[in-house]
Amino acid sequence: SSESIGTFANFFKLGKRETDYFRKLV
């Protein structure tokens, strides 16, 4: 879910740009 993306990004210690890319991938 959109909410879970942030949780995953935080756990895997993704930076802002990496989180944005991860969100787009999802």
PDB file of all heavy atoms in Angstrom:
ATOM      1  N   SER A   1       0.860  -1.186   0.000  1.00  0.00           N
ATOM      2  CA  SER A   1       0.000   0.000   0.000  1.00  0.00           C
ATOM      3  C   SER A   1       0.896   1.236   0.000  1.00  0.00           C
ATOM      4  O   SER A   1       2.100   1.150   0.278  1.00  0.00           O
ATOM      5  CB  SER A   1      -0.886   0.011   1.244  1.00  0.00           C
ATOM      6  OG  SER A   1      -0.102   0.178   2.403  1.00  0.00           O
ATOM      7  N   SER A   2       0.309   2.372  -0.275  1.00  0.00           N
ATOM      8  CA  SER A   2       1.062   3.625  -0.239  1.00  0.00           C
ATOM      9  C   SER A   2       1.695   3.847   1.128  1.00  0.00           C
ATOM     10  O   SER A   2       2.830   4.315   1.233  1.00  0.00           O
ATOM     11  CB  SER A   2       0.144   4.800  -0.578  1.00  0.00           C
ATOM     12  OG  SER A   2      -0.310   4.693  -1.887  1.00  0.00           O
ATOM     13  N   GLU A   3       0.959   3.506   2.178  1.00  0.00           N
ATOM     14  CA  GLU A   3       1.461   3.688   3.538  1.00  0.00           C
ATOM     15  C   GLU A   3       2.635   2.745   3.831  1.00  0.00           C
ATOM     16  O   GLU A   3       3.589   3.123   4.503  1.00  0.00           O
ATOM     17  CB  GLU A   3       0.351   3.454   4.571  1.00  0.00           C
ATOM     18  CG  GLU A   3      -0.822   4.411   4.462  1.00  0.00           C
ATOM     19  CD  GLU A   3      -1.812   4.028   3.356  1.00  0.00           C
ATOM     20  OE1 GLU A   3      -1.972   2.823   3.050  1.00  0.00           O
ATOM     21  OE2 GLU A   3      -2.415   4.947   2.778  1.00  0.00           O
ATOM     22  N   SER A   4       2.550   1.527   3.345  1.00  0.00           N
ATOM     23  CA  SER A   4       3.595   0.527   3.601  1.00  0.00           C
ATOM     24  C   SER A   4       4.909   0.870   2.910  1.00  0.00           C
ATOM     25  O   SER A   4       5.980   0.477   3.381  1.00  0.00           O
ATOM     26  CB  SER A   4       3.137  -0.857   3.146  1.00  0.00           C
ATOM     27  OG  SER A   4       2.024  -1.273   3.880  1.00  0.00           O
ATOM     28  N   ILE A   5       4.838   1.585   1.814  1.00  0.00           N
ATOM     29  CA  ILE A   5       6.053   1.936   1.067  1.00  0.00           C
ATOM     30  C   ILE A   5       7.017   2.692   1.974  1.00  0.00           C
ATOM     31  O   ILE A   5       8.213   2.396   2.012  1.00  0.00           O
ATOM     32  CB  ILE A   5       5.704   2.754  -0.193  1.00  0.00           C
ATOM     33  CG1 ILE A   5       4.949   1.873  -1.191  1.00  0.00           C
ATOM     34  CG2 ILE A   5       6.966   3.342  -0.827  1.00  0.00           C
ATOM     35  CD1 ILE A   5       4.347   2.624  -2.361  1.00  0.00           C
ATOM     36  N   GLY A   6       6.503   3.655   2.715  1.00  0.00           N
ATOM     37  CA  GLY A   6       7.342   4.428   3.632  1.00  0.00           C
ATOM     38  C   GLY A   6       7.959   3.568   4.717  1.00  0.00           C
ATOM     39  O   GLY A   6       9.125   3.747   5.086  1.00  0.00           O
ATOM     40  N   THR A   7       7.184   2.619   5.234  1.00  0.00           N
ATOM     41  CA  THR A   7       7.681   1.713   6.265  1.00  0.00           C
ATOM     42  C   THR A   7       8.835   0.873   5.733  1.00  0.00           C
ATOM     43  O   THR A   7       9.869   0.715   6.391  1.00  0.00           O
ATOM     44  CB  THR A   7       6.543   0.793   6.766  1.00  0.00           C
ATOM     45  OG1 THR A   7       5.468   1.608   7.236  1.00  0.00           O
ATOM     46  CG2 THR A   7       7.012  -0.120   7.866  1.00  0.00           C
ATOM     47  N   PHE A   8       8.671   0.348   4.528  1.00  0.00           N
ATOM     48  CA  PHE A   8       9.730  -0.449   3.904  1.00  0.00           C
ATOM     49  C   PHE A   8      10.962   0.421   3.652  1.00  0.00           C
ATOM     50  O   PHE A   8      12.092  -0.005   3.926  1.00  0.00           O
ATOM     51  CB  PHE A   8       9.240  -1.054   2.585  1.00  0.00           C
ATOM     52  CG  PHE A   8       8.521  -2.354   2.737  1.00  0.00           C
ATOM     53  CD1 PHE A   8       7.296  -2.426   3.378  1.00  0.00           C
ATOM     54  CD2 PHE A   8       9.052  -3.521   2.228  1.00  0.00           C
ATOM     55  CE1 PHE A   8       6.625  -3.633   3.517  1.00  0.00           C
ATOM     56  CE2 PHE A   8       8.400  -4.738   2.360  1.00  0.00           C
ATOM     57  CZ  PHE A   8       7.174  -4.791   3.010  1.00  0.00           C
ATOM     58  N   ALA A   9      10.751   1.621   3.133  1.00  0.00           N
ATOM     59  CA  ALA A   9      11.869   2.525   2.839  1.00  0.00           C
ATOM     60  C   ALA A   9      12.644   2.858   4.104  1.00  0.00           C
ATOM     61  O   ALA A   9      13.883   2.885   4.092  1.00  0.00           O
ATOM     62  CB  ALA A   9      11.348   3.791   2.168  1.00  0.00           C
ATOM     63  N   ASN A  10      11.928   3.090   5.192  1.00  0.00           N
ATOM     64  CA  ASN A  10      12.598   3.388   6.464  1.00  0.00           C
ATOM     65  C   ASN A  10      13.401   2.188   6.954  1.00  0.00           C
ATOM     66  O   ASN A  10      14.542   2.339   7.391  1.00  0.00           O
ATOM     67  CB  ASN A  10      11.576   3.794   7.532  1.00  0.00           C
ATOM     68  CG  ASN A  10      11.043   5.182   7.312  1.00  0.00           C
ATOM     69  OD1 ASN A  10      11.667   6.010   6.666  1.00  0.00           O
ATOM     70  ND2 ASN A  10       9.863   5.435   7.836  1.00  0.00           N
ATOM     71  N   PHE A  11      12.818   1.014   6.891  1.00  0.00           N
ATOM     72  CA  PHE A  11      13.514  -0.178   7.367  1.00  0.00           C
ATOM     73  C   PHE A  11      14.805  -0.415   6.588  1.00  0.00           C
ATOM     74  O   PHE A  11      15.839  -0.738   7.173  1.00  0.00           O
ATOM     75  CB  PHE A  11      12.620  -1.417   7.282  1.00  0.00           C
ATOM     76  CG  PHE A  11      13.298  -2.642   7.814  1.00  0.00           C
ATOM     77  CD1 PHE A  11      13.263  -2.938   9.165  1.00  0.00           C
ATOM     78  CD2 PHE A  11      14.008  -3.496   6.980  1.00  0.00           C
ATOM     79  CE1 PHE A  11      13.915  -4.047   9.676  1.00  0.00           C
ATOM     80  CE2 PHE A  11      14.660  -4.614   7.473  1.00  0.00           C
ATOM     81  CZ  PHE A  11      14.613  -4.892   8.828  1.00  0.00           C
ATOM     82  N   PHE A  12      14.727  -0.254   5.275  1.00  0.00           N
ATOM     83  CA  PHE A  12      15.901  -0.505   4.434  1.00  0.00           C
ATOM     84  C   PHE A  12      16.796   0.732   4.300  1.00  0.00           C
ATOM     85  O   PHE A  12      17.726   0.744   3.500  1.00  0.00           O
ATOM     86  CB  PHE A  12      15.476  -1.035   3.066  1.00  0.00           C
ATOM     87  CG  PHE A  12      14.920  -2.431   3.135  1.00  0.00           C
ATOM     88  CD1 PHE A  12      13.574  -2.664   2.912  1.00  0.00           C
ATOM     89  CD2 PHE A  12      15.733  -3.501   3.460  1.00  0.00           C
ATOM     90  CE1 PHE A  12      13.055  -3.952   2.999  1.00  0.00           C
ATOM     91  CE2 PHE A  12      15.220  -4.790   3.541  1.00  0.00           C
ATOM     92  CZ  PHE A  12      13.878  -5.012   3.316  1.00  0.00           C
ATOM     93  N   LYS A  13      16.487   1.769   5.092  1.00  0.00           N
ATOM     94  CA  LYS A  13      17.304   2.980   5.180  1.00  0.00           C
ATOM     95  C   LYS A  13      17.530   3.639   3.820  1.00  0.00           C
ATOM     96  O   LYS A  13      18.669   4.006   3.461  1.00  0.00           O
ATOM     97  CB  LYS A  13      18.631   2.677   5.861  1.00  0.00           C
ATOM     98  CG  LYS A  13      18.466   2.222   7.297  1.00  0.00           C
ATOM     99  CD  LYS A  13      19.801   1.937   7.952  1.00  0.00           C
ATOM    100  CE  LYS A  13      19.601   1.626   9.406  1.00  0.00           C
ATOM    101  NZ  LYS A  13      19.646   0.260   9.778  1.00  0.00           N
ATOM    102  N   LEU A  14      16.450   3.789   3.063  1.00  0.00           N
ATOM    103  CA  LEU A  14      16.532   4.447   1.770  1.00  0.00           C
ATOM    104  C   LEU A  14      16.503   5.955   1.960  1.00  0.00           C
ATOM    105  O   LEU A  14      15.738   6.473   2.783  1.00  0.00           O
ATOM    106  CB  LEU A  14      15.364   4.024   0.871  1.00  0.00           C
ATOM    107  CG  LEU A  14      15.255   2.546   0.545  1.00  0.00           C
ATOM    108  CD1 LEU A  14      14.050   2.284  -0.352  1.00  0.00           C
ATOM    109  CD2 LEU A  14      16.518   2.037  -0.122  1.00  0.00           C
ATOM    110  N   GLY A  15      17.325   6.658   1.201  1.00  0.00           N
ATOM    111  CA  GLY A  15      17.323   8.115   1.219  1.00  0.00           C
ATOM    112  C   GLY A  15      16.101   8.647   0.473  1.00  0.00           C
ATOM    113  O   GLY A  15      15.296   7.886  -0.070  1.00  0.00           O
ATOM    114  N   LYS A  16      15.988   9.950   0.414  1.00  0.00           N
ATOM    115  CA  LYS A  16      14.826  10.576  -0.224  1.00  0.00           C
ATOM    116  C   LYS A  16      14.685  10.176  -1.692  1.00  0.00           C
ATOM    117  O   LYS A  16      13.621   9.790  -2.148  1.00  0.00           O
ATOM    118  CB  LYS A  16      14.925  12.096  -0.082  1.00  0.00           C
ATOM    119  CG  LYS A  16      13.725  12.844  -0.624  1.00  0.00           C
ATOM    120  CD  LYS A  16      13.861  14.330  -0.401  1.00  0.00           C
ATOM    121  CE  LYS A  16      12.780  15.195  -0.960  1.00  0.00           C
ATOM    122  NZ  LYS A  16      11.785  14.662  -1.789  1.00  0.00           N
ATOM    123  N   ARG A  17      15.783  10.286  -2.436  1.00  0.00           N
ATOM    124  CA  ARG A  17      15.753   9.944  -3.861  1.00  0.00           C
ATOM    125  C   ARG A  17      15.484   8.447  -4.076  1.00  0.00           C
ATOM    126  O   ARG A  17      14.727   8.054  -4.959  1.00  0.00           O
ATOM    127  CB  ARG A  17      17.087  10.341  -4.501  1.00  0.00           C
ATOM    128  CG  ARG A  17      16.927  10.787  -5.921  1.00  0.00           C
ATOM    129  CD  ARG A  17      18.228  11.391  -6.454  1.00  0.00           C
ATOM    130  NE  ARG A  17      18.527  10.627  -7.640  1.00  0.00           N
ATOM    131  CZ  ARG A  17      19.607   9.882  -7.818  1.00  0.00           C
ATOM    132  NH1 ARG A  17      20.537   9.832  -6.921  1.00  0.00           N
ATOM    133  NH2 ARG A  17      19.771   9.210  -8.919  1.00  0.00           N
ATOM    134  N   GLU A  18      16.090   7.619  -3.233  1.00  0.00           N
ATOM    135  CA  GLU A  18      15.879   6.168  -3.323  1.00  0.00           C
ATOM    136  C   GLU A  18      14.435   5.815  -2.975  1.00  0.00           C
ATOM    137  O   GLU A  18      13.829   4.957  -3.626  1.00  0.00           O
ATOM    138  CB  GLU A  18      16.821   5.440  -2.368  1.00  0.00           C
ATOM    139  CG  GLU A  18      18.276   5.562  -2.747  1.00  0.00           C
ATOM    140  CD  GLU A  18      19.205   5.134  -1.618  1.00  0.00           C
ATOM    141  OE1 GLU A  18      18.981   5.542  -0.467  1.00  0.00           O
ATOM    142  OE2 GLU A  18      20.149   4.385  -1.914  1.00  0.00           O
ATOM    143  N   THR A  19      13.877   6.476  -1.980  1.00  0.00           N
ATOM    144  CA  THR A  19      12.491   6.225  -1.587  1.00  0.00           C
ATOM    145  C   THR A  19      11.542   6.619  -2.708  1.00  0.00           C
ATOM    146  O   THR A  19      10.588   5.900  -3.017  1.00  0.00           O
ATOM    147  CB  THR A  19      12.136   6.991  -0.294  1.00  0.00           C
ATOM    148  OG1 THR A  19      12.988   6.522   0.751  1.00  0.00           O
ATOM    149  CG2 THR A  19      10.686   6.791   0.092  1.00  0.00           C
ATOM    150  N   ASP A  20      11.814   7.750  -3.342  1.00  0.00           N
ATOM    151  CA  ASP A  20      10.986   8.203  -4.463  1.00  0.00           C
ATOM    152  C   ASP A  20      11.023   7.180  -5.595  1.00  0.00           C
ATOM    153  O   ASP A  20       9.998   6.822  -6.172  1.00  0.00           O
ATOM    154  CB  ASP A  20      11.473   9.570  -4.945  1.00  0.00           C
ATOM    155  CG  ASP A  20      10.600  10.144  -6.041  1.00  0.00           C
ATOM    156  OD1 ASP A  20       9.365  10.197  -5.849  1.00  0.00           O
ATOM    157  OD2 ASP A  20      11.154  10.544  -7.086  1.00  0.00           O
ATOM    158  N   TYR A  21      12.215   6.675  -5.897  1.00  0.00           N
ATOM    159  CA  TYR A  21      12.370   5.669  -6.946  1.00  0.00           C
ATOM    160  C   TYR A  21      11.652   4.373  -6.554  1.00  0.00           C
ATOM    161  O   TYR A  21      10.935   3.782  -7.368  1.00  0.00           O
ATOM    162  CB  TYR A  21      13.858   5.396  -7.197  1.00  0.00           C
ATOM    163  CG  TYR A  21      14.125   4.442  -8.330  1.00  0.00           C
ATOM    164  CD1 TYR A  21      14.167   4.888  -9.642  1.00  0.00           C
ATOM    165  CD2 TYR A  21      14.330   3.086  -8.088  1.00  0.00           C
ATOM    166  CE1 TYR A  21      14.407   4.017 -10.689  1.00  0.00           C
ATOM    167  CE2 TYR A  21      14.580   2.198  -9.123  1.00  0.00           C
ATOM    168  CZ  TYR A  21      14.609   2.669 -10.424  1.00  0.00           C
ATOM    169  OH  TYR A  21      14.834   1.795 -11.463  1.00  0.00           O
ATOM    170  N   PHE A  22      11.813   3.953  -5.312  1.00  0.00           N
ATOM    171  CA  PHE A  22      11.159   2.737  -4.820  1.00  0.00           C
ATOM    172  C   PHE A  22       9.637   2.877  -4.932  1.00  0.00           C
ATOM    173  O   PHE A  22       8.949   1.959  -5.386  1.00  0.00           O
ATOM    174  CB  PHE A  22      11.575   2.469  -3.369  1.00  0.00           C
ATOM    175  CG  PHE A  22      10.970   1.236  -2.772  1.00  0.00           C
ATOM    176  CD1 PHE A  22      11.325  -0.033  -3.214  1.00  0.00           C
ATOM    177  CD2 PHE A  22      10.033   1.334  -1.753  1.00  0.00           C
ATOM    178  CE1 PHE A  22      10.759  -1.178  -2.668  1.00  0.00           C
ATOM    179  CE2 PHE A  22       9.463   0.199  -1.193  1.00  0.00           C
ATOM    180  CZ  PHE A  22       9.834  -1.054  -1.652  1.00  0.00           C
ATOM    181  N   ARG A  23       9.110   4.037  -4.544  1.00  0.00           N
ATOM    182  CA  ARG A  23       7.663   4.296  -4.639  1.00  0.00           C
ATOM    183  C   ARG A  23       7.184   4.165  -6.087  1.00  0.00           C
ATOM    184  O   ARG A  23       6.177   3.527  -6.370  1.00  0.00           O
ATOM    185  CB  ARG A  23       7.358   5.687  -4.088  1.00  0.00           C
ATOM    186  CG  ARG A  23       5.885   6.059  -4.059  1.00  0.00           C
ATOM    187  CD  ARG A  23       5.653   7.437  -3.465  1.00  0.00           C
ATOM    188  NE  ARG A  23       6.322   7.651  -2.193  1.00  0.00           N
ATOM    189  CZ  ARG A  23       5.885   7.193  -1.021  1.00  0.00           C
ATOM    190  NH1 ARG A  23       4.774   6.500  -0.965  1.00  0.00           N
ATOM    191  NH2 ARG A  23       6.557   7.431   0.083  1.00  0.00           N
ATOM    192  N   LYS A  24       7.940   4.741  -7.009  1.00  0.00           N
ATOM    193  CA  LYS A  24       7.576   4.654  -8.428  1.00  0.00           C
ATOM    194  C   LYS A  24       7.631   3.210  -8.923  1.00  0.00           C
ATOM    195  O   LYS A  24       6.778   2.785  -9.707  1.00  0.00           O
ATOM    196  CB  LYS A  24       8.495   5.541  -9.267  1.00  0.00           C
ATOM    197  CG  LYS A  24       8.217   7.010  -9.066  1.00  0.00           C
ATOM    198  CD  LYS A  24       9.238   7.871  -9.771  1.00  0.00           C
ATOM    199  CE  LYS A  24       9.005   9.331  -9.427  1.00  0.00           C
ATOM    200  NZ  LYS A  24      10.053  10.204  -9.924  1.00  0.00           N
ATOM    201  N   LEU A  25       8.632   2.457  -8.469  1.00  0.00           N
ATOM    202  CA  LEU A  25       8.733   1.036  -8.837  1.00  0.00           C
ATOM    203  C   LEU A  25       7.505   0.262  -8.370  1.00  0.00           C
ATOM    204  O   LEU A  25       6.963  -0.558  -9.113  1.00  0.00           O
ATOM    205  CB  LEU A  25       9.968   0.397  -8.210  1.00  0.00           C
ATOM    206  CG  LEU A  25      11.276   0.409  -8.941  1.00  0.00           C
ATOM    207  CD1 LEU A  25      12.284  -0.469  -8.216  1.00  0.00           C
ATOM    208  CD2 LEU A  25      11.144  -0.022 -10.370  1.00  0.00           C
ATOM    209  N   VAL A  26       7.103   0.509  -7.129  1.00  0.00           N
ATOM    210  CA  VAL A  26       5.937  -0.185  -6.582  1.00  0.00           C
ATOM    211  C   VAL A  26       4.707   0.136  -7.426  1.00  0.00           C
ATOM    212  O   VAL A  26       3.981  -0.762  -7.857  1.00  0.00           O
ATOM    213  CB  VAL A  26       5.700   0.191  -5.099  1.00  0.00           C
ATOM    214  CG1 VAL A  26       4.362  -0.347  -4.607  1.00  0.00           C
ATOM    215  CG2 VAL A  26       6.838  -0.326  -4.235  1.00  0.00           C
TER     216      VAL A  26
END
